[in-house]
PDB file of N, CA and C in Angstrom:
ATOM      1  N   UNK A   1       0.851  -1.181   0.000  1.00  0.00           N
ATOM      2  CA  UNK A   1       0.000   0.000   0.000  1.00  0.00           C
ATOM      3  C   UNK A   1       0.890   1.236   0.000  1.00  0.00           C
ATOM      4  N   UNK A   2       0.560   2.195  -0.828  1.00  0.00           N
ATOM      5  CA  UNK A   2       1.338   3.426  -0.933  1.00  0.00           C
ATOM      6  C   UNK A   2       0.962   4.414   0.171  1.00  0.00           C
ATOM      7  N   UNK A   3       1.865   5.382   0.385  1.00  0.00           N
ATOM      8  CA  UNK A   3       1.650   6.409   1.411  1.00  0.00           C
ATOM      9  C   UNK A   3       0.295   7.081   1.243  1.00  0.00           C
ATOM     10  N   UNK A   4      -0.034   7.479   0.008  1.00  0.00           N
ATOM     11  CA  UNK A   4      -1.291   8.206  -0.207  1.00  0.00           C
ATOM     12  C   UNK A   4      -2.502   7.372   0.206  1.00  0.00           C
ATOM     13  N   UNK A   5      -2.455   6.071  -0.041  1.00  0.00           N
ATOM     14  CA  UNK A   5      -3.566   5.197   0.348  1.00  0.00           C
ATOM     15  C   UNK A   5      -3.648   5.056   1.866  1.00  0.00           C
ATOM     16  N   UNK A   6      -2.487   4.962   2.486  1.00  0.00           N
ATOM     17  CA  UNK A   6      -2.455   4.868   3.943  1.00  0.00           C
ATOM     18  C   UNK A   6      -2.954   6.165   4.575  1.00  0.00           C
ATOM     19  N   UNK A   7      -2.557   7.292   3.988  1.00  0.00           N
ATOM     20  CA  UNK A   7      -2.995   8.586   4.506  1.00  0.00           C
ATOM     21  C   UNK A   7      -4.514   8.712   4.408  1.00  0.00           C
ATOM     22  N   UNK A   8      -5.080   8.307   3.287  1.00  0.00           N
ATOM     23  CA  UNK A   8      -6.541   8.334   3.126  1.00  0.00           C
ATOM     24  C   UNK A   8      -7.211   7.468   4.194  1.00  0.00           C
ATOM     25  N   UNK A   9      -6.677   6.279   4.389  1.00  0.00           N
ATOM     26  CA  UNK A   9      -7.237   5.358   5.382  1.00  0.00           C
ATOM     27  C   UNK A   9      -7.159   5.958   6.791  1.00  0.00           C
ATOM     28  N   UNK A  10      -6.034   6.559   7.108  1.00  0.00           N
ATOM     29  CA  UNK A  10      -5.850   7.174   8.421  1.00  0.00           C
ATOM     30  C   UNK A  10      -6.838   8.321   8.626  1.00  0.00           C
ATOM     31  N   UNK A  11      -6.961   9.181   7.642  1.00  0.00           N
ATOM     32  CA  UNK A  11      -7.866  10.336   7.752  1.00  0.00           C
ATOM     33  C   UNK A  11      -9.304   9.876   7.965  1.00  0.00           C
ATOM     34  N   UNK A  12      -9.702   8.813   7.281  1.00  0.00           N
ATOM     35  CA  UNK A  12     -11.079   8.311   7.396  1.00  0.00           C
ATOM     36  C   UNK A  12     -11.401   7.768   8.787  1.00  0.00           C
ATOM     37  N   UNK A  13     -10.375   7.512   9.600  1.00  0.00           N
ATOM     38  CA  UNK A  13     -10.653   7.036  10.959  1.00  0.00           C
ATOM     39  C   UNK A  13     -11.270   8.129  11.825  1.00  0.00           C
ATOM     40  N   UNK A  14     -11.067   9.410  11.453  1.00  0.00           N
ATOM     41  CA  UNK A  14     -11.604  10.515  12.248  1.00  0.00           C
ATOM     42  C   UNK A  14     -12.487  11.472  11.466  1.00  0.00           C
ATOM     43  N   UNK A  15     -12.313  11.538  10.162  1.00  0.00           N
ATOM     44  CA  UNK A  15     -13.000  12.562   9.364  1.00  0.00           C
ATOM     45  C   UNK A  15     -13.730  11.931   8.187  1.00  0.00           C
ATOM     46  N   UNK A  16     -14.989  12.289   8.011  1.00  0.00           N
ATOM     47  CA  UNK A  16     -15.732  11.795   6.857  1.00  0.00           C
ATOM     48  C   UNK A  16     -15.511  12.693   5.645  1.00  0.00           C
ATOM     49  N   UNK A  17     -15.102  13.941   5.889  1.00  0.00           N
ATOM     50  CA  UNK A  17     -14.851  14.883   4.799  1.00  0.00           C
ATOM     51  C   UNK A  17     -13.419  15.412   4.902  1.00  0.00           C
ATOM     52  N   UNK A  18     -12.738  15.412   3.788  1.00  0.00           N
ATOM     53  CA  UNK A  18     -11.374  15.919   3.737  1.00  0.00           C
ATOM     54  C   UNK A  18     -11.329  17.401   4.103  1.00  0.00           C
ATOM     55  N   UNK A  19     -12.379  18.120   3.736  1.00  0.00           N
ATOM     56  CA  UNK A  19     -12.457  19.545   4.033  1.00  0.00           C
ATOM     57  C   UNK A  19     -12.432  19.841   5.529  1.00  0.00           C
ATOM     58  N   UNK A  20     -12.995  18.941   6.322  1.00  0.00           N
ATOM     59  CA  UNK A  20     -12.991  19.134   7.775  1.00  0.00           C
ATOM     60  C   UNK A  20     -11.565  19.099   8.328  1.00  0.00           C
ATOM     61  N   UNK A  21     -10.759  18.179   7.813  1.00  0.00           N
ATOM     62  CA  UNK A  21      -9.363  18.104   8.253  1.00  0.00           C
ATOM     63  C   UNK A  21      -8.585  19.313   7.740  1.00  0.00           C
ATOM     64  N   UNK A  22      -8.864  19.739   6.519  1.00  0.00           N
ATOM     65  CA  UNK A  22      -8.200  20.933   5.973  1.00  0.00           C
ATOM     66  C   UNK A  22      -8.478  22.142   6.871  1.00  0.00           C
ATOM     67  N   UNK A  23      -9.725  22.290   7.301  1.00  0.00           N
ATOM     68  CA  UNK A  23     -10.074  23.382   8.214  1.00  0.00           C
ATOM     69  C   UNK A  23      -9.336  23.253   9.535  1.00  0.00           C
ATOM     70  N   UNK A  24      -9.277  22.051  10.065  1.00  0.00           N
ATOM     71  CA  UNK A  24      -8.579  21.811  11.333  1.00  0.00           C
ATOM     72  C   UNK A  24      -7.101  22.193  11.226  1.00  0.00           C
ATOM     73  N   UNK A  25      -6.483  21.869  10.082  1.00  0.00           N
ATOM     74  CA  UNK A  25      -5.067  22.153   9.866  1.00  0.00           C
ATOM     75  C   UNK A  25      -4.810  23.595   9.423  1.00  0.00           C
ATOM     76  N   UNK A  26      -5.865  24.332   9.123  1.00  0.00           N
ATOM     77  CA  UNK A  26      -5.693  25.713   8.668  1.00  0.00           C
ATOM     78  C   UNK A  26      -5.066  25.786   7.291  1.00  0.00           C
ATOM     79  N   UNK A  27      -5.414  24.843   6.438  1.00  0.00           N
ATOM     80  CA  UNK A  27      -4.869  24.836   5.080  1.00  0.00           C
ATOM     81  C   UNK A  27      -6.026  24.737   4.103  1.00  0.00           C
ATOM     82  N   UNK A  28      -5.760  25.069   2.841  1.00  0.00           N
ATOM     83  CA  UNK A  28      -6.856  24.988   1.886  1.00  0.00           C
ATOM     84  C   UNK A  28      -7.067  23.547   1.436  1.00  0.00           C
ATOM     85  N   UNK A  29      -8.271  23.273   1.005  1.00  0.00           N
ATOM     86  CA  UNK A  29      -8.669  21.925   0.618  1.00  0.00           C
ATOM     87  C   UNK A  29      -7.802  21.394  -0.519  1.00  0.00           C
ATOM     88  N   UNK A  30      -7.483  22.236  -1.489  1.00  0.00           N
ATOM     89  CA  UNK A  30      -6.708  21.807  -2.652  1.00  0.00           C
ATOM     90  C   UNK A  30      -5.344  21.272  -2.249  1.00  0.00           C
ATOM     91  N   UNK A  31      -4.681  21.954  -1.353  1.00  0.00           N
ATOM     92  CA  UNK A  31      -3.363  21.506  -0.916  1.00  0.00           C
ATOM     93  C   UNK A  31      -3.461  20.154  -0.201  1.00  0.00           C
ATOM     94  N   UNK A  32      -4.424  20.008   0.685  1.00  0.00           N
ATOM     95  CA  UNK A  32      -4.598  18.737   1.385  1.00  0.00           C
ATOM     96  C   UNK A  32      -4.940  17.632   0.396  1.00  0.00           C
ATOM     97  N   UNK A  33      -5.788  17.929  -0.557  1.00  0.00           N
ATOM     98  CA  UNK A  33      -6.161  16.954  -1.569  1.00  0.00           C
ATOM     99  C   UNK A  33      -4.934  16.494  -2.373  1.00  0.00           C
ATOM    100  N   UNK A  34      -4.027  17.423  -2.669  1.00  0.00           N
ATOM    101  CA  UNK A  34      -2.809  17.060  -3.391  1.00  0.00           C
ATOM    102  C   UNK A  34      -1.949  16.108  -2.562  1.00  0.00           C
ATOM    103  N   UNK A  35      -1.827  16.355  -1.275  1.00  0.00           N
ATOM    104  CA  UNK A  35      -1.072  15.458  -0.396  1.00  0.00           C
ATOM    105  C   UNK A  35      -1.704  14.065  -0.385  1.00  0.00           C
ATOM    106  N   UNK A  36      -3.023  14.036  -0.276  1.00  0.00           N
ATOM    107  CA  UNK A  36      -3.744  12.770  -0.202  1.00  0.00           C
ATOM    108  C   UNK A  36      -3.648  12.010  -1.528  1.00  0.00           C
ATOM    109  N   UNK A  37      -3.429  12.722  -2.607  1.00  0.00           N
ATOM    110  CA  UNK A  37      -3.347  12.079  -3.916  1.00  0.00           C
ATOM    111  C   UNK A  37      -1.918  11.841  -4.384  1.00  0.00           C
ATOM    112  N   UNK A  38      -0.965  11.945  -3.467  1.00  0.00           N
ATOM    113  CA  UNK A  38       0.387  11.521  -3.787  1.00  0.00           C
ATOM    114  C   UNK A  38       1.444  12.594  -3.915  1.00  0.00           C
ATOM    115  N   UNK A  39       1.083  13.863  -3.773  1.00  0.00           N
ATOM    116  CA  UNK A  39       2.097  14.911  -3.836  1.00  0.00           C
ATOM    117  C   UNK A  39       3.024  14.792  -2.629  1.00  0.00           C
ATOM    118  N   UNK A  40       4.286  15.101  -2.827  1.00  0.00           N
ATOM    119  CA  UNK A  40       5.267  15.046  -1.738  1.00  0.00           C
ATOM    120  C   UNK A  40       4.816  15.954  -0.597  1.00  0.00           C
ATOM    121  N   UNK A  41       4.838  15.413   0.613  1.00  0.00           N
ATOM    122  CA  UNK A  41       4.376  16.162   1.780  1.00  0.00           C
ATOM    123  C   UNK A  41       5.508  16.978   2.387  1.00  0.00           C
ATOM    124  N   UNK A  42       5.133  17.991   3.119  1.00  0.00           N
ATOM    125  CA  UNK A  42       6.108  18.817   3.833  1.00  0.00           C
ATOM    126  C   UNK A  42       6.285  18.280   5.249  1.00  0.00           C
ATOM    127  N   UNK A  43       7.376  18.657   5.871  1.00  0.00           N
ATOM    128  CA  UNK A  43       7.597  18.276   7.273  1.00  0.00           C
ATOM    129  C   UNK A  43       6.516  18.886   8.160  1.00  0.00           C
ATOM    130  N   UNK A  44       6.081  20.089   7.837  1.00  0.00           N
ATOM    131  CA  UNK A  44       5.024  20.741   8.611  1.00  0.00           C
ATOM    132  C   UNK A  44       3.744  19.914   8.555  1.00  0.00           C
ATOM    133  N   UNK A  45       3.409  19.424   7.380  1.00  0.00           N
ATOM    134  CA  UNK A  45       2.211  18.596   7.237  1.00  0.00           C
ATOM    135  C   UNK A  45       2.365  17.287   8.016  1.00  0.00           C
ATOM    136  N   UNK A  46       3.520  16.653   7.923  1.00  0.00           N
ATOM    137  CA  UNK A  46       3.755  15.415   8.664  1.00  0.00           C
ATOM    138  C   UNK A  46       3.624  15.663  10.164  1.00  0.00           C
ATOM    139  N   UNK A  47       4.145  16.774  10.629  1.00  0.00           N
ATOM    140  CA  UNK A  47       4.024  17.117  12.045  1.00  0.00           C
ATOM    141  C   UNK A  47       2.551  17.256  12.439  1.00  0.00           C
ATOM    142  N   UNK A  48       1.740  17.882  11.578  1.00  0.00           N
ATOM    143  CA  UNK A  48       0.307  18.032  11.862  1.00  0.00           C
ATOM    144  C   UNK A  48      -0.383  16.671  11.928  1.00  0.00           C
ATOM    145  N   UNK A  49       0.006  15.772  11.041  1.00  0.00           N
ATOM    146  CA  UNK A  49      -0.569  14.421  11.050  1.00  0.00           C
ATOM    147  C   UNK A  49      -0.219  13.712  12.353  1.00  0.00           C
ATOM    148  N   UNK A  50       1.033  13.847  12.779  1.00  0.00           N
ATOM    149  CA  UNK A  50       1.473  13.220  14.030  1.00  0.00           C
ATOM    150  C   UNK A  50       0.670  13.761  15.212  1.00  0.00           C
ATOM    151  N   UNK A  51       0.455  15.056  15.222  1.00  0.00           N
ATOM    152  CA  UNK A  51      -0.312  15.680  16.305  1.00  0.00           C
ATOM    153  C   UNK A  51      -1.780  15.238  16.292  1.00  0.00           C
ATOM    154  N   UNK A  52      -2.375  15.191  15.104  1.00  0.00           N
ATOM    155  CA  UNK A  52      -3.805  14.877  14.985  1.00  0.00           C
ATOM    156  C   UNK A  52      -4.104  13.389  15.159  1.00  0.00           C
ATOM    157  N   UNK A  53      -3.150  12.545  14.785  1.00  0.00           N
ATOM    158  CA  UNK A  53      -3.346  11.100  14.847  1.00  0.00           C
ATOM    159  C   UNK A  53      -2.228  10.455  15.665  1.00  0.00           C
ATOM    160  N   UNK A  54      -2.172  10.712  16.970  1.00  0.00           N
ATOM    161  CA  UNK A  54      -1.082  10.170  17.790  1.00  0.00           C
ATOM    162  C   UNK A  54      -1.097   8.648  17.863  1.00  0.00           C
ATOM    163  N   UNK A  55      -2.222   8.046  17.543  1.00  0.00           N
ATOM    164  CA  UNK A  55      -2.323   6.586  17.579  1.00  0.00           C
ATOM    165  C   UNK A  55      -1.729   5.926  16.338  1.00  0.00           C
ATOM    166  N   UNK A  56      -1.395   6.711  15.332  1.00  0.00           N
ATOM    167  CA  UNK A  56      -0.899   6.161  14.066  1.00  0.00           C
ATOM    168  C   UNK A  56       0.521   5.623  14.214  1.00  0.00           C
ATOM    169  N   UNK A  57       0.761   4.489  13.607  1.00  0.00           N
ATOM    170  CA  UNK A  57       2.087   3.890  13.574  1.00  0.00           C
ATOM    171  C   UNK A  57       2.833   4.512  12.398  1.00  0.00           C
ATOM    172  N   UNK A  58       3.826   5.325  12.683  1.00  0.00           N
ATOM    173  CA  UNK A  58       4.539   6.029  11.621  1.00  0.00           C
ATOM    174  C   UNK A  58       5.326   5.089  10.720  1.00  0.00           C
ATOM    175  N   UNK A  59       5.771   3.956  11.244  1.00  0.00           N
ATOM    176  CA  UNK A  59       6.434   2.971  10.385  1.00  0.00           C
ATOM    177  C   UNK A  59       5.473   2.506   9.300  1.00  0.00           C
ATOM    178  N   UNK A  60       4.259   2.228   9.693  1.00  0.00           N
ATOM    179  CA  UNK A  60       3.239   1.813   8.731  1.00  0.00           C
ATOM    180  C   UNK A  60       2.962   2.921   7.716  1.00  0.00           C
ATOM    181  N   UNK A  61       2.835   4.140   8.188  1.00  0.00           N
ATOM    182  CA  UNK A  61       2.475   5.251   7.320  1.00  0.00           C
ATOM    183  C   UNK A  61       3.571   5.581   6.312  1.00  0.00           C
ATOM    184  N   UNK A  62       4.814   5.596   6.743  1.00  0.00           N
ATOM    185  CA  UNK A  62       5.900   6.087   5.901  1.00  0.00           C
ATOM    186  C   UNK A  62       6.625   5.023   5.090  1.00  0.00           C
ATOM    187  N   UNK A  63       6.509   3.774   5.481  1.00  0.00           N
ATOM    188  CA  UNK A  63       7.279   2.725   4.799  1.00  0.00           C
ATOM    189  C   UNK A  63       6.395   1.898   3.884  1.00  0.00           C
ATOM    190  N   UNK A  64       6.826   1.709   2.654  1.00  0.00           N
ATOM    191  CA  UNK A  64       6.089   0.881   1.705  1.00  0.00           C
ATOM    192  C   UNK A  64       6.189  -0.598   2.049  1.00  0.00           C
ATOM    193  N   UNK A  65       7.254  -1.005   2.726  1.00  0.00           N
ATOM    194  CA  UNK A  65       7.479  -2.421   2.972  1.00  0.00           C
ATOM    195  C   UNK A  65       6.934  -2.906   4.314  1.00  0.00           C
ATOM    196  N   UNK A  66       6.221  -2.058   5.030  1.00  0.00           N
ATOM    197  CA  UNK A  66       5.670  -2.456   6.328  1.00  0.00           C
ATOM    198  C   UNK A  66       4.443  -3.320   6.096  1.00  0.00           C
ATOM    199  N   UNK A  67       4.420  -4.513   6.609  1.00  0.00           N
ATOM    200  CA  UNK A  67       3.423  -5.515   6.248  1.00  0.00           C
ATOM    201  C   UNK A  67       2.208  -5.530   7.168  1.00  0.00           C
ATOM    202  N   UNK A  68       2.342  -5.146   8.388  1.00  0.00           N
ATOM    203  CA  UNK A  68       1.263  -5.291   9.359  1.00  0.00           C
ATOM    204  C   UNK A  68      -0.038  -4.652   8.887  1.00  0.00           C
ATOM    205  N   UNK A  69      -1.136  -5.364   9.057  1.00  0.00           N
ATOM    206  CA  UNK A  69      -2.449  -4.821   8.722  1.00  0.00           C
ATOM    207  C   UNK A  69      -3.108  -4.208   9.951  1.00  0.00           C
ATOM    208  N   UNK A  70      -2.589  -4.522  11.130  1.00  0.00           N
ATOM    209  CA  UNK A  70      -3.088  -3.955  12.376  1.00  0.00           C
ATOM    210  C   UNK A  70      -2.233  -2.731  12.674  1.00  0.00           C
ATOM    211  N   UNK A  71      -2.423  -1.688  11.882  1.00  0.00           N
ATOM    212  CA  UNK A  71      -1.392  -0.682  11.769  1.00  0.00           C
ATOM    213  C   UNK A  71      -1.706   0.698  12.329  1.00  0.00           C
ATOM    214  N   UNK A  72      -2.864   0.927  12.810  1.00  0.00           N
ATOM    215  CA  UNK A  72      -3.196   2.271  13.249  1.00  0.00           C
ATOM    216  C   UNK A  72      -2.943   2.514  14.729  1.00  0.00           C
ATOM    217  N   UNK A  73      -2.368   1.552  15.408  1.00  0.00           N
ATOM    218  CA  UNK A  73      -2.126   1.736  16.821  1.00  0.00           C
ATOM    219  C   UNK A  73      -0.797   1.110  17.207  1.00  0.00           C
ATOM    220  N   UNK A  74       0.053   1.863  17.859  1.00  0.00           N
ATOM    221  CA  UNK A  74       1.355   1.363  18.267  1.00  0.00           C
ATOM    222  C   UNK A  74       1.285   0.597  19.574  1.00  0.00           C
ATOM    223  N   UNK A  75       0.390   0.955  20.431  1.00  0.00           N
ATOM    224  CA  UNK A  75       0.280   0.309  21.730  1.00  0.00           C
ATOM    225  C   UNK A  75      -0.748   1.042  22.574  1.00  0.00           C
ATOM    226  N   UNK A  76      -0.920   0.591  23.791  1.00  0.00           N
ATOM    227  CA  UNK A  76      -1.910   1.209  24.659  1.00  0.00           C
ATOM    228  C   UNK A  76      -1.439   2.515  25.288  1.00  0.00           C
ATOM    229  N   UNK A  77      -0.146   2.635  25.482  1.00  0.00           N
ATOM    230  CA  UNK A  77       0.394   3.838  26.095  1.00  0.00           C
ATOM    231  C   UNK A  77       0.660   4.909  25.042  1.00  0.00           C
ATOM    232  N   UNK A  78       0.277   6.159  25.298  1.00  0.00           N
ATOM    233  CA  UNK A  78       0.578   7.218  24.332  1.00  0.00           C
ATOM    234  C   UNK A  78       2.084   7.441  24.248  1.00  0.00           C
ATOM    235  N   UNK A  79       2.528   7.852  23.080  1.00  0.00           N
ATOM    236  CA  UNK A  79       3.941   8.116  22.860  1.00  0.00           C
ATOM    237  C   UNK A  79       4.355   9.348  23.653  1.00  0.00           C
ATOM    238  N   UNK A  80       5.444   9.225  24.375  1.00  0.00           N
ATOM    239  CA  UNK A  80       5.969  10.352  25.142  1.00  0.00           C
ATOM    240  C   UNK A  80       7.420  10.550  24.757  1.00  0.00           C
ATOM    241  N   UNK A  81       7.791  11.782  24.542  1.00  0.00           N
ATOM    242  CA  UNK A  81       9.154  12.092  24.135  1.00  0.00           C
ATOM    243  C   UNK A  81       9.755  13.110  25.086  1.00  0.00           C
ATOM    244  N   UNK A  82      11.037  12.964  25.327  1.00  0.00           N
ATOM    245  CA  UNK A  82      11.726  13.949  26.152  1.00  0.00           C
ATOM    246  C   UNK A  82      12.214  15.113  25.297  1.00  0.00           C
ATOM    247  N   UNK A  83      12.073  14.977  23.974  1.00  0.00           N
ATOM    248  CA  UNK A  83      12.491  16.041  23.065  1.00  0.00           C
ATOM    249  C   UNK A  83      11.356  17.032  22.853  1.00  0.00           C
ATOM    250  N   UNK A  84      11.721  18.253  22.527  1.00  0.00           N
ATOM    251  CA  UNK A  84      10.707  19.247  22.179  1.00  0.00           C
ATOM    252  C   UNK A  84      10.235  18.956  20.754  1.00  0.00           C
ATOM    253  N   UNK A  85       9.139  19.569  20.365  1.00  0.00           N
ATOM    254  CA  UNK A  85       8.613  19.386  19.010  1.00  0.00           C
ATOM    255  C   UNK A  85       9.639  19.819  17.971  1.00  0.00           C
ATOM    256  N   UNK A  86      10.312  20.924  18.212  1.00  0.00           N
ATOM    257  CA  UNK A  86      11.329  21.406  17.265  1.00  0.00           C
ATOM    258  C   UNK A  86      12.495  20.424  17.180  1.00  0.00           C
ATOM    259  N   UNK A  87      12.904  19.868  18.316  1.00  0.00           N
ATOM    260  CA  UNK A  87      14.004  18.901  18.305  1.00  0.00           C
ATOM    261  C   UNK A  87      13.621  17.639  17.525  1.00  0.00           C
ATOM    262  N   UNK A  88      12.378  17.227  17.653  1.00  0.00           N
ATOM    263  CA  UNK A  88      11.905  16.052  16.921  1.00  0.00           C
ATOM    264  C   UNK A  88      11.941  16.322  15.420  1.00  0.00           C
ATOM    265  N   UNK A  89      11.422  17.472  15.010  1.00  0.00           N
ATOM    266  CA  UNK A  89      11.411  17.818  13.592  1.00  0.00           C
ATOM    267  C   UNK A  89      12.836  17.951  13.067  1.00  0.00           C
ATOM    268  N   UNK A  90      13.710  18.613  13.821  1.00  0.00           N
ATOM    269  CA  UNK A  90      15.114  18.756  13.396  1.00  0.00           C
ATOM    270  C   UNK A  90      15.780  17.396  13.234  1.00  0.00           C
ATOM    271  N   UNK A  91      15.527  16.502  14.169  1.00  0.00           N
ATOM    272  CA  UNK A  91      16.123  15.165  14.091  1.00  0.00           C
ATOM    273  C   UNK A  91      15.590  14.407  12.879  1.00  0.00           C
ATOM    274  N   UNK A  92      14.298  14.521  12.642  1.00  0.00           N
ATOM    275  CA  UNK A  92      13.710  13.848  11.479  1.00  0.00           C
ATOM    276  C   UNK A  92      14.293  14.403  10.180  1.00  0.00           C
ATOM    277  N   UNK A  93      14.484  15.709  10.102  1.00  0.00           N
ATOM    278  CA  UNK A  93      15.072  16.317   8.906  1.00  0.00           C
ATOM    279  C   UNK A  93      16.488  15.810   8.683  1.00  0.00           C
ATOM    280  N   UNK A  94      17.272  15.678   9.761  1.00  0.00           N
ATOM    281  CA  UNK A  94      18.633  15.149   9.630  1.00  0.00           C
ATOM    282  C   UNK A  94      18.614  13.701   9.155  1.00  0.00           C
ATOM    283  N   UNK A  95      17.708  12.912   9.723  1.00  0.00           N
ATOM    284  CA  UNK A  95      17.601  11.509   9.330  1.00  0.00           C
ATOM    285  C   UNK A  95      17.171  11.366   7.872  1.00  0.00           C
ATOM    286  N   UNK A  96      16.200  12.180   7.443  1.00  0.00           N
ATOM    287  CA  UNK A  96      15.770  12.138   6.053  1.00  0.00           C
ATOM    288  C   UNK A  96      16.895  12.573   5.117  1.00  0.00           C
ATOM    289  N   UNK A  97      17.653  13.600   5.498  1.00  0.00           N
ATOM    290  CA  UNK A  97      18.778  14.059   4.677  1.00  0.00           C
ATOM    291  C   UNK A  97      19.829  12.960   4.561  1.00  0.00           C
ATOM    292  N   UNK A  98      20.116  12.282   5.676  1.00  0.00           N
ATOM    293  CA  UNK A  98      21.071  11.189   5.655  1.00  0.00           C
ATOM    294  C   UNK A  98      20.593  10.056   4.771  1.00  0.00           C
ATOM    295  N   UNK A  99      19.315   9.722   4.895  1.00  0.00           N
ATOM    296  CA  UNK A  99      18.733   8.662   4.071  1.00  0.00           C
ATOM    297  C   UNK A  99      18.796   9.036   2.583  1.00  0.00           C
ATOM    298  N   UNK A 100      18.456  10.282   2.286  1.00  0.00           N
ATOM    299  CA  UNK A 100      18.500  10.757   0.907  1.00  0.00           C
ATOM    300  C   UNK A 100      19.916  10.647   0.344  1.00  0.00           C
ATOM    301  N   UNK A 101      20.915  10.941   1.161  1.00  0.00           N
ATOM    302  CA  UNK A 101      22.293  10.854   0.719  1.00  0.00           C
ATOM    303  C   UNK A 101      22.734   9.419   0.441  1.00  0.00           C
ATOM    304  N   UNK A 102      22.087   8.462   1.087  1.00  0.00           N
ATOM    305  CA  UNK A 102      22.432   7.051   0.897  1.00  0.00           C
ATOM    306  C   UNK A 102      21.713   6.420  -0.293  1.00  0.00           C
ATOM    307  N   UNK A 103      20.671   7.088  -0.748  1.00  0.00           N
ATOM    308  CA  UNK A 103      19.875   6.528  -1.858  1.00  0.00           C
ATOM    309  C   UNK A 103      20.477   6.851  -3.188  1.00  0.00           C
TER     310      UNK A 103
END
């Protein structure tokens, strides 16, 4: 399953209309629709998804090779981080840059 399909599935767990999520995120419907239809997402958008869907397994969402079908929940305990939101985003950007350099 591709990222866009997983994103659609995740959004449908809370929202019946894409426009409702666009309003929640403070973005226009067209931009959200482009993300849902396969356009490359921004780190800001990914951060919003993480905030709105804390139960989502990011391995499932971001990896094409993740096989589990029981994928929308990581566990019973909410994820807790000792890092600030900015530190998390900075670390993710470094990891993505490193991964990009290896590809």
